[in-house]
PDB file of N, CA and C in Angstrom:
ATOM      1  N   MET A   1      -0.563  12.938  23.547  1.00  0.00           N
ATOM      2  CA  MET A   1      -0.699  11.785  23.791  1.00  0.00           C
ATOM      3  C   MET A   1       0.327  11.549  25.251  1.00  0.00           C
ATOM      4  N   LYS A   2      -0.082  10.571  25.831  1.00  0.00           N
ATOM      5  CA  LYS A   2       0.677  10.505  27.463  1.00  0.00           C
ATOM      6  C   LYS A   2       2.117   9.825  27.115  1.00  0.00           C
ATOM      7  N   TYR A   3       2.214   8.995  26.099  1.00  0.00           N
ATOM      8  CA  TYR A   3       3.579   8.400  25.930  1.00  0.00           C
ATOM      9  C   TYR A   3       3.989   8.813  24.811  1.00  0.00           C
ATOM     10  N   ARG A   4       5.449   9.323  25.055  1.00  0.00           N
ATOM     11  CA  ARG A   4       6.293   9.973  23.605  1.00  0.00           C
ATOM     12  C   ARG A   4       6.607   8.870  22.687  1.00  0.00           C
ATOM     13  N   SER A   5       6.770   7.750  23.032  1.00  0.00           N
ATOM     14  CA  SER A   5       7.079   6.803  21.774  1.00  0.00           C
ATOM     15  C   SER A   5       5.917   6.456  21.209  1.00  0.00           C
ATOM     16  N   ILE A   6       4.541   6.418  21.493  1.00  0.00           N
ATOM     17  CA  ILE A   6       3.615   6.274  20.688  1.00  0.00           C
ATOM     18  C   ILE A   6       3.136   7.401  19.950  1.00  0.00           C
ATOM     19  N   ALA A   7       3.514   8.682  20.634  1.00  0.00           N
ATOM     20  CA  ALA A   7       3.240   9.854  19.686  1.00  0.00           C
ATOM     21  C   ALA A   7       4.237  10.017  18.645  1.00  0.00           C
ATOM     22  N   THR A   8       5.597   9.405  18.809  1.00  0.00           N
ATOM     23  CA  THR A   8       6.488   9.425  17.675  1.00  0.00           C
ATOM     24  C   THR A   8       6.392   8.366  16.715  1.00  0.00           C
ATOM     25  N   ILE A   9       5.924   7.245  17.017  1.00  0.00           N
ATOM     26  CA  ILE A   9       5.530   6.197  16.171  1.00  0.00           C
ATOM     27  C   ILE A   9       4.477   6.842  15.452  1.00  0.00           C
ATOM     28  N   GLY A  10       3.241   7.222  15.781  1.00  0.00           N
ATOM     29  CA  GLY A  10       2.135   7.741  15.213  1.00  0.00           C
ATOM     30  C   GLY A  10       2.301   8.835  14.129  1.00  0.00           C
ATOM     31  N   MET A  11       3.248   9.987  14.658  1.00  0.00           N
ATOM     32  CA  MET A  11       3.807  10.807  13.595  1.00  0.00           C
ATOM     33  C   MET A  11       4.545  10.437  12.579  1.00  0.00           C
ATOM     34  N   SER A  12       5.561   9.467  12.879  1.00  0.00           N
ATOM     35  CA  SER A  12       6.071   8.643  11.844  1.00  0.00           C
ATOM     36  C   SER A  12       5.234   8.005  10.745  1.00  0.00           C
ATOM     37  N   ASN A  13       4.326   7.361  11.193  1.00  0.00           N
ATOM     38  CA  ASN A  13       3.349   6.655  10.484  1.00  0.00           C
ATOM     39  C   ASN A  13       2.653   7.551   9.636  1.00  0.00           C
ATOM     40  N   CYS A  14       2.106   8.798  10.174  1.00  0.00           N
ATOM     41  CA  CYS A  14       1.485   9.816   9.387  1.00  0.00           C
ATOM     42  C   CYS A  14       2.083  10.230   8.366  1.00  0.00           C
ATOM     43  N   LEU A  15       3.462  10.565   8.519  1.00  0.00           N
ATOM     44  CA  LEU A  15       4.393  11.297   7.472  1.00  0.00           C
ATOM     45  C   LEU A  15       4.582   9.937   6.456  1.00  0.00           C
ATOM     46  N   TYR A  16       4.832   8.862   6.821  1.00  0.00           N
ATOM     47  CA  TYR A  16       5.066   7.790   5.908  1.00  0.00           C
ATOM     48  C   TYR A  16       3.792   7.309   4.877  1.00  0.00           C
ATOM     49  N   ASN A  17       2.669   7.518   5.499  1.00  0.00           N
ATOM     50  CA  ASN A  17       1.555   7.211   4.713  1.00  0.00           C
ATOM     51  C   ASN A  17       1.342   8.462   3.660  1.00  0.00           C
ATOM     52  N   PHE A  18       1.519   9.753   4.268  1.00  0.00           N
ATOM     53  CA  PHE A  18       1.379  11.033   3.379  1.00  0.00           C
ATOM     54  C   PHE A  18       2.327  10.764   2.279  1.00  0.00           C
ATOM     55  N   GLY A  19       3.586  10.439   2.457  1.00  0.00           N
ATOM     56  CA  GLY A  19       4.521  10.311   1.423  1.00  0.00           C
ATOM     57  C   GLY A  19       4.171   9.302   0.502  1.00  0.00           C
ATOM     58  N   PHE A  20       3.639   8.193   0.903  1.00  0.00           N
ATOM     59  CA  PHE A  20       3.521   6.984   0.148  1.00  0.00           C
ATOM     60  C   PHE A  20       2.361   7.319  -0.927  1.00  0.00           C
ATOM     61  N   PHE A  21       1.288   7.741  -0.333  1.00  0.00           N
ATOM     62  CA  PHE A  21       0.176   8.069  -1.056  1.00  0.00           C
ATOM     63  C   PHE A  21       0.495   9.388  -2.091  1.00  0.00           C
ATOM     64  N   ALA A  22       1.125  10.329  -1.719  1.00  0.00           N
ATOM     65  CA  ALA A  22       1.512  11.198  -2.650  1.00  0.00           C
ATOM     66  C   ALA A  22       2.492  10.670  -3.684  1.00  0.00           C
ATOM     67  N   LEU A  23       3.162   9.758  -3.536  1.00  0.00           N
ATOM     68  CA  LEU A  23       4.156   9.173  -4.551  1.00  0.00           C
ATOM     69  C   LEU A  23       3.297   8.591  -5.614  1.00  0.00           C
ATOM     70  N   LEU A  24       2.280   7.741  -4.858  1.00  0.00           N
ATOM     71  CA  LEU A  24       1.438   6.786  -5.553  1.00  0.00           C
ATOM     72  C   LEU A  24       0.422   7.792  -6.666  1.00  0.00           C
ATOM     73  N   ALA A  25       0.158   9.019  -6.085  1.00  0.00           N
ATOM     74  CA  ALA A  25      -0.857   9.748  -6.814  1.00  0.00           C
ATOM     75  C   ALA A  25      -0.234  10.586  -8.032  1.00  0.00           C
ATOM     76  N   TYR A  26       1.188  10.993  -7.817  1.00  0.00           N
ATOM     77  CA  TYR A  26       2.080  11.783  -8.869  1.00  0.00           C
ATOM     78  C   TYR A  26       2.668  10.722  -9.661  1.00  0.00           C
ATOM     79  N   ALA A  27       3.204   9.632  -9.184  1.00  0.00           N
ATOM     80  CA  ALA A  27       4.080   8.751 -10.186  1.00  0.00           C
ATOM     81  C   ALA A  27       3.494   8.520 -11.602  1.00  0.00           C
ATOM     82  N   PRO A  28       2.235   8.519 -11.836  1.00  0.00           N
ATOM     83  CA  PRO A  28       1.635   7.990 -13.213  1.00  0.00           C
ATOM     84  C   PRO A  28       1.905   9.383 -14.021  1.00  0.00           C
ATOM     85  N   LEU A  29       1.940  10.777 -13.388  1.00  0.00           N
ATOM     86  CA  LEU A  29       2.199  11.883 -14.335  1.00  0.00           C
ATOM     87  C   LEU A  29       3.452  11.845 -14.605  1.00  0.00           C
ATOM     88  N   ALA A  30       4.392  11.361 -13.768  1.00  0.00           N
ATOM     89  CA  ALA A  30       5.888  11.571 -14.090  1.00  0.00           C
ATOM     90  C   ALA A  30       6.219  10.508 -15.181  1.00  0.00           C
ATOM     91  N   LEU A  31       5.643   9.470 -14.890  1.00  0.00           N
ATOM     92  CA  LEU A  31       5.910   8.292 -15.992  1.00  0.00           C
ATOM     93  C   LEU A  31       5.052   8.299 -17.268  1.00  0.00           C
ATOM     94  N   GLY A  32       4.228   9.377 -17.594  1.00  0.00           N
ATOM     95  CA  GLY A  32       3.498   9.531 -18.972  1.00  0.00           C
ATOM     96  C   GLY A  32       2.375   8.397 -18.924  1.00  0.00           C
ATOM     97  N   LEU A  33       1.914   7.847 -17.815  1.00  0.00           N
ATOM     98  CA  LEU A  33       0.798   6.752 -17.908  1.00  0.00           C
ATOM     99  C   LEU A  33      -0.496   7.533 -18.230  1.00  0.00           C
ATOM    100  N   THR A  34      -1.373   6.707 -19.021  1.00  0.00           N
ATOM    101  CA  THR A  34      -2.702   7.010 -19.232  1.00  0.00           C
ATOM    102  C   THR A  34      -3.477   6.712 -17.921  1.00  0.00           C
ATOM    103  N   PRO A  35      -4.585   7.273 -17.996  1.00  0.00           N
ATOM    104  CA  PRO A  35      -5.733   6.661 -16.871  1.00  0.00           C
ATOM    105  C   PRO A  35      -6.163   5.151 -17.029  1.00  0.00           C
ATOM    106  N   LEU A  36      -6.319   4.806 -18.313  1.00  0.00           N
ATOM    107  CA  LEU A  36      -6.279   3.382 -18.644  1.00  0.00           C
ATOM    108  C   LEU A  36      -5.405   2.415 -18.031  1.00  0.00           C
ATOM    109  N   THR A  37      -4.099   2.704 -18.481  1.00  0.00           N
ATOM    110  CA  THR A  37      -3.005   2.088 -18.346  1.00  0.00           C
ATOM    111  C   THR A  37      -2.947   1.864 -16.600  1.00  0.00           C
ATOM    112  N   MET A  38      -3.042   3.046 -15.992  1.00  0.00           N
ATOM    113  CA  MET A  38      -3.050   2.823 -14.442  1.00  0.00           C
ATOM    114  C   MET A  38      -4.160   2.146 -13.850  1.00  0.00           C
ATOM    115  N   GLY A  39      -5.374   2.215 -14.676  1.00  0.00           N
ATOM    116  CA  GLY A  39      -6.557   1.313 -14.036  1.00  0.00           C
ATOM    117  C   GLY A  39      -6.113  -0.315 -14.215  1.00  0.00           C
ATOM    118  N   VAL A  40      -5.553  -0.482 -15.261  1.00  0.00           N
ATOM    119  CA  VAL A  40      -5.269  -1.786 -15.500  1.00  0.00           C
ATOM    120  C   VAL A  40      -4.060  -2.370 -14.577  1.00  0.00           C
ATOM    121  N   ILE A  41      -3.251  -1.457 -14.438  1.00  0.00           N
ATOM    122  CA  ILE A  41      -2.280  -1.863 -13.451  1.00  0.00           C
ATOM    123  C   ILE A  41      -2.672  -1.879 -11.949  1.00  0.00           C
ATOM    124  N   PHE A  42      -3.576  -1.057 -11.526  1.00  0.00           N
ATOM    125  CA  PHE A  42      -4.221  -1.221 -10.156  1.00  0.00           C
ATOM    126  C   PHE A  42      -5.112  -2.250  -9.863  1.00  0.00           C
ATOM    127  N   LEU A  43      -5.867  -2.653 -11.287  1.00  0.00           N
ATOM    128  CA  LEU A  43      -6.812  -3.817 -11.263  1.00  0.00           C
ATOM    129  C   LEU A  43      -5.887  -5.100 -11.104  1.00  0.00           C
ATOM    130  N   GLY A  44      -4.836  -5.197 -11.731  1.00  0.00           N
ATOM    131  CA  GLY A  44      -3.978  -6.296 -11.673  1.00  0.00           C
ATOM    132  C   GLY A  44      -3.424  -6.352 -10.262  1.00  0.00           C
ATOM    133  N   TRP A  45      -3.004  -5.290  -9.698  1.00  0.00           N
ATOM    134  CA  TRP A  45      -2.361  -5.398  -8.199  1.00  0.00           C
ATOM    135  C   TRP A  45      -3.587  -5.769  -7.330  1.00  0.00           C
ATOM    136  N   GLY A  46      -4.675  -5.392  -7.248  1.00  0.00           N
ATOM    137  CA  GLY A  46      -5.792  -5.785  -6.688  1.00  0.00           C
ATOM    138  C   GLY A  46      -6.153  -7.340  -6.801  1.00  0.00           C
ATOM    139  N   VAL A  47      -6.123  -7.792  -7.861  1.00  0.00           N
ATOM    140  CA  VAL A  47      -6.438  -9.072  -8.253  1.00  0.00           C
ATOM    141  C   VAL A  47      -5.360  -9.994  -7.483  1.00  0.00           C
ATOM    142  N   LEU A  48      -4.129  -9.635  -7.785  1.00  0.00           N
ATOM    143  CA  LEU A  48      -2.923 -10.489  -7.060  1.00  0.00           C
ATOM    144  C   LEU A  48      -2.986 -10.444  -5.821  1.00  0.00           C
ATOM    145  N   LEU A  49      -3.449  -9.211  -5.144  1.00  0.00           N
ATOM    146  CA  LEU A  49      -3.454  -9.128  -3.703  1.00  0.00           C
ATOM    147  C   LEU A  49      -4.360 -10.226  -3.231  1.00  0.00           C
ATOM    148  N   ALA A  50      -5.593  -9.980  -3.710  1.00  0.00           N
ATOM    149  CA  ALA A  50      -6.895 -10.855  -3.170  1.00  0.00           C
ATOM    150  C   ALA A  50      -6.428 -12.353  -3.502  1.00  0.00           C
ATOM    151  N   ARG A  51      -5.812 -12.743  -4.567  1.00  0.00           N
ATOM    152  CA  ARG A  51      -5.575 -14.009  -4.713  1.00  0.00           C
ATOM    153  C   ARG A  51      -4.604 -14.715  -3.756  1.00  0.00           C
ATOM    154  N   THR A  52      -3.500 -13.681  -3.593  1.00  0.00           N
ATOM    155  CA  THR A  52      -2.400 -14.205  -2.770  1.00  0.00           C
ATOM    156  C   THR A  52      -2.919 -14.228  -1.293  1.00  0.00           C
ATOM    157  N   SER A  53      -4.038 -13.256  -0.879  1.00  0.00           N
ATOM    158  CA  SER A  53      -4.335 -13.299   0.444  1.00  0.00           C
ATOM    159  C   SER A  53      -5.321 -14.549   0.620  1.00  0.00           C
ATOM    160  N   TYR A  54      -6.173 -14.929  -0.295  1.00  0.00           N
ATOM    161  CA  TYR A  54      -6.998 -16.093  -0.451  1.00  0.00           C
ATOM    162  C   TYR A  54      -6.050 -17.432  -0.255  1.00  0.00           C
ATOM    163  N   PHE A  55      -5.210 -17.585  -0.946  1.00  0.00           N
ATOM    164  CA  PHE A  55      -4.509 -18.671  -1.017  1.00  0.00           C
ATOM    165  C   PHE A  55      -3.284 -19.067   0.001  1.00  0.00           C
ATOM    166  N   MET A  56      -2.582 -17.909   0.220  1.00  0.00           N
ATOM    167  CA  MET A  56      -1.470 -17.965   1.191  1.00  0.00           C
ATOM    168  C   MET A  56      -1.801 -17.726   2.627  1.00  0.00           C
ATOM    169  N   SER A  57      -2.989 -17.184   2.859  1.00  0.00           N
ATOM    170  CA  SER A  57      -2.960 -16.780   4.331  1.00  0.00           C
ATOM    171  C   SER A  57      -3.312 -18.157   5.070  1.00  0.00           C
ATOM    172  N   PRO A  58      -4.003 -19.190   4.585  1.00  0.00           N
ATOM    173  CA  PRO A  58      -4.136 -20.399   5.234  1.00  0.00           C
ATOM    174  C   PRO A  58      -2.768 -20.975   5.563  1.00  0.00           C
ATOM    175  N   LYS A  59      -1.957 -21.057   4.530  1.00  0.00           N
ATOM    176  CA  LYS A  59      -0.746 -21.944   4.521  1.00  0.00           C
ATOM    177  C   LYS A  59       0.230 -21.127   5.672  1.00  0.00           C
ATOM    178  N   LEU A  60       0.247 -19.665   5.725  1.00  0.00           N
ATOM    179  CA  LEU A  60       0.902 -18.975   6.761  1.00  0.00           C
ATOM    180  C   LEU A  60       0.311 -19.203   7.929  1.00  0.00           C
ATOM    181  N   LYS A  61      -0.978 -19.182   8.186  1.00  0.00           N
ATOM    182  CA  LYS A  61      -1.510 -19.394   9.494  1.00  0.00           C
ATOM    183  C   LYS A  61      -1.030 -20.804  10.185  1.00  0.00           C
ATOM    184  N   VAL A  62      -0.945 -21.850   9.169  1.00  0.00           N
ATOM    185  CA  VAL A  62      -0.523 -23.162   9.813  1.00  0.00           C
ATOM    186  C   VAL A  62       1.145 -23.210   9.901  1.00  0.00           C
ATOM    187  N   ARG A  63       1.811 -22.421   9.377  1.00  0.00           N
ATOM    188  CA  ARG A  63       3.230 -22.059   9.484  1.00  0.00           C
ATOM    189  C   ARG A  63       3.436 -21.515  10.718  1.00  0.00           C
ATOM    190  N   PHE A  64       2.748 -20.515  10.945  1.00  0.00           N
ATOM    191  CA  PHE A  64       3.182 -19.644  12.203  1.00  0.00           C
ATOM    192  C   PHE A  64       2.197 -19.701  13.134  1.00  0.00           C
TER     193      PHE A  64
END
């Protein structure tokens, strides 16, 4: 990359994402959760994210 700052930010982002998804993948094993429990957790997370995005984004758009 031509600009050092962009390369540094890109590498930091890559390492952050790798660490986050590694933690996300192995946390259920450490916590002793079953696949069904993890499925319910992620389903709830997705539904809440979708609802929040749908209802809050117009309000945030008006505000900002």
